[in-house]
């Protein structure tokens, strides 16, 4: 039976505008974003969550100049996301990479994506959402109650921050399980090729090539 985990507020670090200098996330950092909507060409990037897989989530709130903030002026966050020595681990990287490119003007690489990995090896199911994967592979139940909320608010609620943190706190464990399945099924090399393409896929989406998809018939 899956166990519901609640993220203690003490394990969530909220930073406005940028990461503080000197934070070390190791060689693999889990990353997620919260936005005003699902169109990276229209909707604002509001929050970037990160975790080193140590049980702590760092949430960077990006406040636009219209609300007295610095917008995309976040050099420490950008440096981490473009660092070629640090792998960025996402779930549904295609969307997040497009949003980070649009919101921060960066190409985030190298990357891994647990959704792509799940689709390559879990071909017996269509259930590849983060909630389903955490339940089925880790025995952890995460809440999606705050998924549709106002992430552009000046002050985020504790419930919003707990939701945002849950999206990165389990990605390291999830990737470890999925990497084992990719190796078992002989599809790790194929997955790595897909991961290398994801930043380009995000760039194509920003140019409007998601519909029609240039890879479709």
Protein backbone atom coordinates (compact mmCIF):
# COMPACT_ATOMS: atom_id res chain seq x y z
CA UNK A 1 0.00 0.00 0.00
CA UNK A 2 1.29 3.47 -0.91
CA UNK A 3 2.05 5.73 2.01
CA UNK A 4 1.19 9.41 1.88
CA UNK A 5 4.18 11.59 2.68
CA UNK A 6 3.80 15.15 3.90
CA UNK A 7 6.71 17.52 3.37
CA UNK A 8 7.64 19.33 6.61
CA UNK A 9 7.90 23.09 6.13
CA UNK A 10 11.42 22.91 7.60
CA UNK A 11 12.53 20.90 4.55
CA UNK A 12 11.31 23.55 2.10
CA UNK A 13 13.55 26.55 1.51
CA UNK A 14 11.89 29.48 -0.29
CA UNK A 15 14.15 31.96 -2.07
CA UNK A 16 12.87 35.09 -3.79
CA UNK A 17 14.54 36.09 -7.07
CA UNK A 18 17.52 33.69 -7.03
CA UNK A 19 19.35 30.87 -5.29
CA UNK A 20 21.77 32.01 -2.59
CA UNK A 21 25.42 31.64 -3.57
CA UNK A 22 27.36 28.55 -2.55
CA UNK A 23 24.60 25.92 -2.65
CA UNK A 24 25.87 22.54 -3.84
CA UNK A 25 23.33 20.21 -5.42
CA UNK A 26 25.86 17.57 -6.40
CA UNK A 27 26.14 15.97 -9.83
CA UNK A 28 22.39 15.43 -10.34
CA UNK A 29 19.72 17.98 -9.37
CA UNK A 30 15.98 17.37 -9.62
CA UNK A 31 14.16 20.30 -11.23
CA UNK A 32 10.53 21.29 -11.77
CA UNK A 33 8.65 24.47 -12.60
CA UNK A 34 5.34 26.07 -11.73
CA UNK A 35 3.78 28.49 -14.20
CA UNK A 36 0.72 30.60 -14.85
CA UNK A 37 -0.46 28.14 -17.50
CA UNK A 38 0.60 25.45 -19.94
CA UNK A 39 1.68 27.57 -22.93
CA UNK A 40 5.35 28.61 -22.61
CA UNK A 41 4.84 31.21 -25.35
CA UNK A 42 2.15 32.95 -23.28
CA UNK A 43 2.37 31.97 -19.63
CA UNK A 44 4.82 33.25 -17.05
CA UNK A 45 7.40 31.14 -15.21
CA UNK A 46 6.68 31.65 -11.50
CA UNK A 47 8.63 29.08 -9.48
CA UNK A 48 11.59 26.77 -10.00
CA UNK A 49 12.01 23.90 -7.54
CA UNK A 50 15.26 22.01 -7.02
CA UNK A 51 16.47 19.15 -4.86
CA UNK A 52 19.75 17.31 -4.44
CA UNK A 53 17.82 14.19 -3.43
CA UNK A 54 18.56 14.83 0.24
CA UNK A 55 14.98 15.44 1.36
CA UNK A 56 15.22 19.23 1.05
CA UNK A 57 13.57 21.28 -1.69
CA UNK A 58 14.74 24.75 -2.69
CA UNK A 59 12.01 26.83 -4.32
CA UNK A 60 13.00 29.96 -6.25
CA UNK A 61 10.12 32.41 -6.67
CA UNK A 62 10.61 34.58 -9.75
CA UNK A 63 8.83 37.89 -9.19
CA UNK A 64 8.23 40.10 -12.25
CA UNK A 65 9.28 43.78 -12.28
CA UNK A 66 5.59 44.74 -12.32
CA UNK A 67 5.39 43.38 -8.77
CA UNK A 68 8.69 44.90 -7.67
CA UNK A 69 10.81 41.84 -8.48
CA UNK A 70 13.81 41.08 -10.66
CA UNK A 71 12.17 38.83 -13.24
CA UNK A 72 14.77 36.72 -15.03
CA UNK A 73 17.70 38.30 -13.17
CA UNK A 74 18.77 35.14 -11.32
CA UNK A 75 22.42 34.43 -12.18
CA UNK A 76 22.97 31.68 -9.60
CA UNK A 77 19.94 29.70 -10.75
CA UNK A 78 20.88 30.10 -14.40
CA UNK A 79 24.47 29.03 -13.77
CA UNK A 80 23.27 25.81 -12.16
CA UNK A 81 20.79 25.02 -14.93
CA UNK A 82 23.32 25.44 -17.73
CA UNK A 83 26.25 23.79 -15.92
CA UNK A 84 27.41 20.92 -18.18
CA UNK A 85 28.80 19.06 -15.15
CA UNK A 86 25.38 18.84 -13.45
CA UNK A 87 22.62 16.61 -14.80
CA UNK A 88 19.15 18.13 -14.49
CA UNK A 89 16.49 15.54 -13.68
CA UNK A 90 12.89 16.30 -14.70
CA UNK A 91 9.52 14.66 -15.05
CA UNK A 92 8.11 15.75 -18.45
CA UNK A 93 11.24 17.73 -19.29
CA UNK A 94 9.84 18.84 -22.66
CA UNK A 95 7.53 21.37 -21.01
CA UNK A 96 9.96 22.56 -18.33
CA UNK A 97 12.79 23.05 -20.81
CA UNK A 98 10.59 25.17 -23.07
CA UNK A 99 9.42 27.21 -20.10
CA UNK A 100 12.97 27.75 -18.80
CA UNK A 101 14.12 28.80 -22.26
CA UNK A 102 11.22 31.24 -22.58
CA UNK A 103 11.36 32.55 -19.02
CA UNK A 104 15.10 32.68 -18.37
CA UNK A 105 16.58 32.70 -21.88
CA UNK A 106 18.73 29.61 -21.27
CA UNK A 107 19.20 26.15 -22.70
CA UNK A 108 19.13 23.77 -19.77
CA UNK A 109 21.36 20.73 -20.31
CA UNK A 110 22.26 17.91 -19.85
CA UNK A 111 18.93 16.45 -18.81
CA UNK A 112 17.11 13.24 -17.92
CA UNK A 113 13.36 12.74 -17.91
CA UNK A 114 11.52 10.18 -15.81
CA UNK A 115 8.40 10.41 -18.00
CA UNK A 116 10.36 9.52 -21.16
CA UNK A 117 12.12 6.73 -19.27
CA UNK A 118 8.80 5.36 -18.02
CA UNK A 119 7.29 5.39 -21.51
CA UNK A 120 10.28 3.46 -22.88
CA UNK A 121 10.08 0.61 -20.38
CA UNK A 122 6.52 0.61 -18.99
CA UNK A 123 4.85 -0.17 -22.31
CA UNK A 124 2.23 -2.31 -20.53
CA UNK A 125 0.47 0.83 -19.24
CA UNK A 126 -0.47 4.39 -20.19
CA UNK A 127 -0.02 5.56 -16.59
CA UNK A 128 3.18 7.61 -16.71
CA UNK A 129 2.24 10.59 -14.52
CA UNK A 130 4.45 11.46 -11.56
CA UNK A 131 1.69 10.61 -9.08
CA UNK A 132 1.20 7.15 -10.61
CA UNK A 133 4.91 6.41 -10.89
CA UNK A 134 5.59 7.41 -7.28
CA UNK A 135 2.74 5.19 -6.12
CA UNK A 136 3.59 2.17 -8.24
CA UNK A 137 7.40 2.25 -8.16
CA UNK A 138 8.15 3.87 -4.80
CA UNK A 139 5.05 3.14 -2.75
CA UNK A 140 4.64 6.87 -2.11
CA UNK A 141 1.40 8.81 -2.49
CA UNK A 142 1.82 12.46 -3.48
CA UNK A 143 -0.96 15.03 -3.62
CA UNK A 144 -1.85 16.96 -6.78
CA UNK A 145 -4.42 19.19 -5.05
CA UNK A 146 -2.54 22.44 -5.70
CA UNK A 147 -1.70 21.68 -9.34
CA UNK A 148 -4.20 24.25 -10.61
CA UNK A 149 -3.63 27.28 -8.40
CA UNK A 150 -2.36 30.83 -8.77
CA UNK A 151 1.41 30.43 -8.89
CA UNK A 152 1.81 34.09 -9.75
CA UNK A 153 0.56 35.24 -6.34
CA UNK A 154 2.89 37.55 -4.42
CA UNK A 155 2.75 35.19 -1.42
CA UNK A 156 2.59 31.42 -1.92
CA UNK A 157 0.70 29.34 0.62
CA UNK A 158 2.28 26.53 2.65
CA UNK A 159 0.07 24.11 0.71
CA UNK A 160 1.40 25.39 -2.61
CA UNK A 161 5.00 25.09 -1.44
CA UNK A 162 4.43 21.56 -0.12
CA UNK A 163 2.95 20.55 -3.48
CA UNK A 164 5.80 22.17 -5.41
CA UNK A 165 8.40 20.45 -3.22
CA UNK A 166 6.80 17.02 -3.70
CA UNK A 167 7.42 17.28 -7.43
CA UNK A 168 11.22 17.16 -6.95
CA UNK A 169 11.78 15.30 -3.69
CA UNK A 170 11.19 11.82 -5.17
CA UNK A 171 12.79 12.20 -8.61
CA UNK A 172 16.21 10.80 -7.62
CA UNK A 173 14.67 7.61 -6.24
CA UNK A 174 12.33 7.36 -9.22
CA UNK A 175 15.19 7.74 -11.68
CA UNK A 176 17.25 5.08 -9.90
CA UNK A 177 14.39 2.60 -10.33
CA UNK A 178 13.72 3.56 -13.95
CA UNK A 179 17.41 3.49 -14.86
CA UNK A 180 17.52 -0.09 -13.59
CA UNK A 181 14.55 -0.97 -15.81
CA UNK A 182 16.15 0.73 -18.82
CA UNK A 183 19.31 -1.30 -18.30
CA UNK A 184 17.31 -4.50 -17.84
CA UNK A 185 15.41 -3.95 -21.08
CA UNK A 186 18.47 -2.78 -23.06
CA UNK A 187 17.03 0.68 -23.68
CA UNK A 188 19.33 2.95 -21.70
CA UNK A 189 21.28 4.07 -24.77
CA UNK A 190 18.03 4.86 -26.57
CA UNK A 191 16.83 6.84 -23.54
CA UNK A 192 20.05 8.85 -23.44
CA UNK A 193 19.61 9.76 -27.12
CA UNK A 194 16.08 10.96 -26.33
CA UNK A 195 17.34 13.02 -23.40
CA UNK A 196 19.94 14.76 -25.58
CA UNK A 197 17.17 15.78 -27.99
CA UNK A 198 14.81 17.20 -25.36
CA UNK A 199 16.26 20.77 -25.28
CA UNK A 200 15.74 20.93 -29.06
CA UNK A 201 12.21 19.56 -28.67
CA UNK A 202 11.47 22.39 -26.23
CA UNK A 203 12.89 24.96 -28.65
CA UNK A 204 10.66 23.58 -31.43
CA UNK A 205 7.62 23.90 -29.18
CA UNK A 206 8.43 27.57 -28.55
CA UNK A 207 8.52 28.18 -32.30
CA UNK A 208 5.08 26.66 -32.71
CA UNK A 209 6.19 23.32 -34.11
CA UNK A 210 4.20 21.38 -31.53
CA UNK A 211 1.13 21.68 -33.78
CA UNK A 212 1.61 20.57 -36.43
CA UNK A 213 4.39 18.30 -35.16
CA UNK A 214 7.13 18.16 -37.80
CA UNK A 215 7.69 14.50 -36.89
CA UNK A 216 4.11 13.56 -37.62
CA UNK A 217 3.08 12.08 -40.99
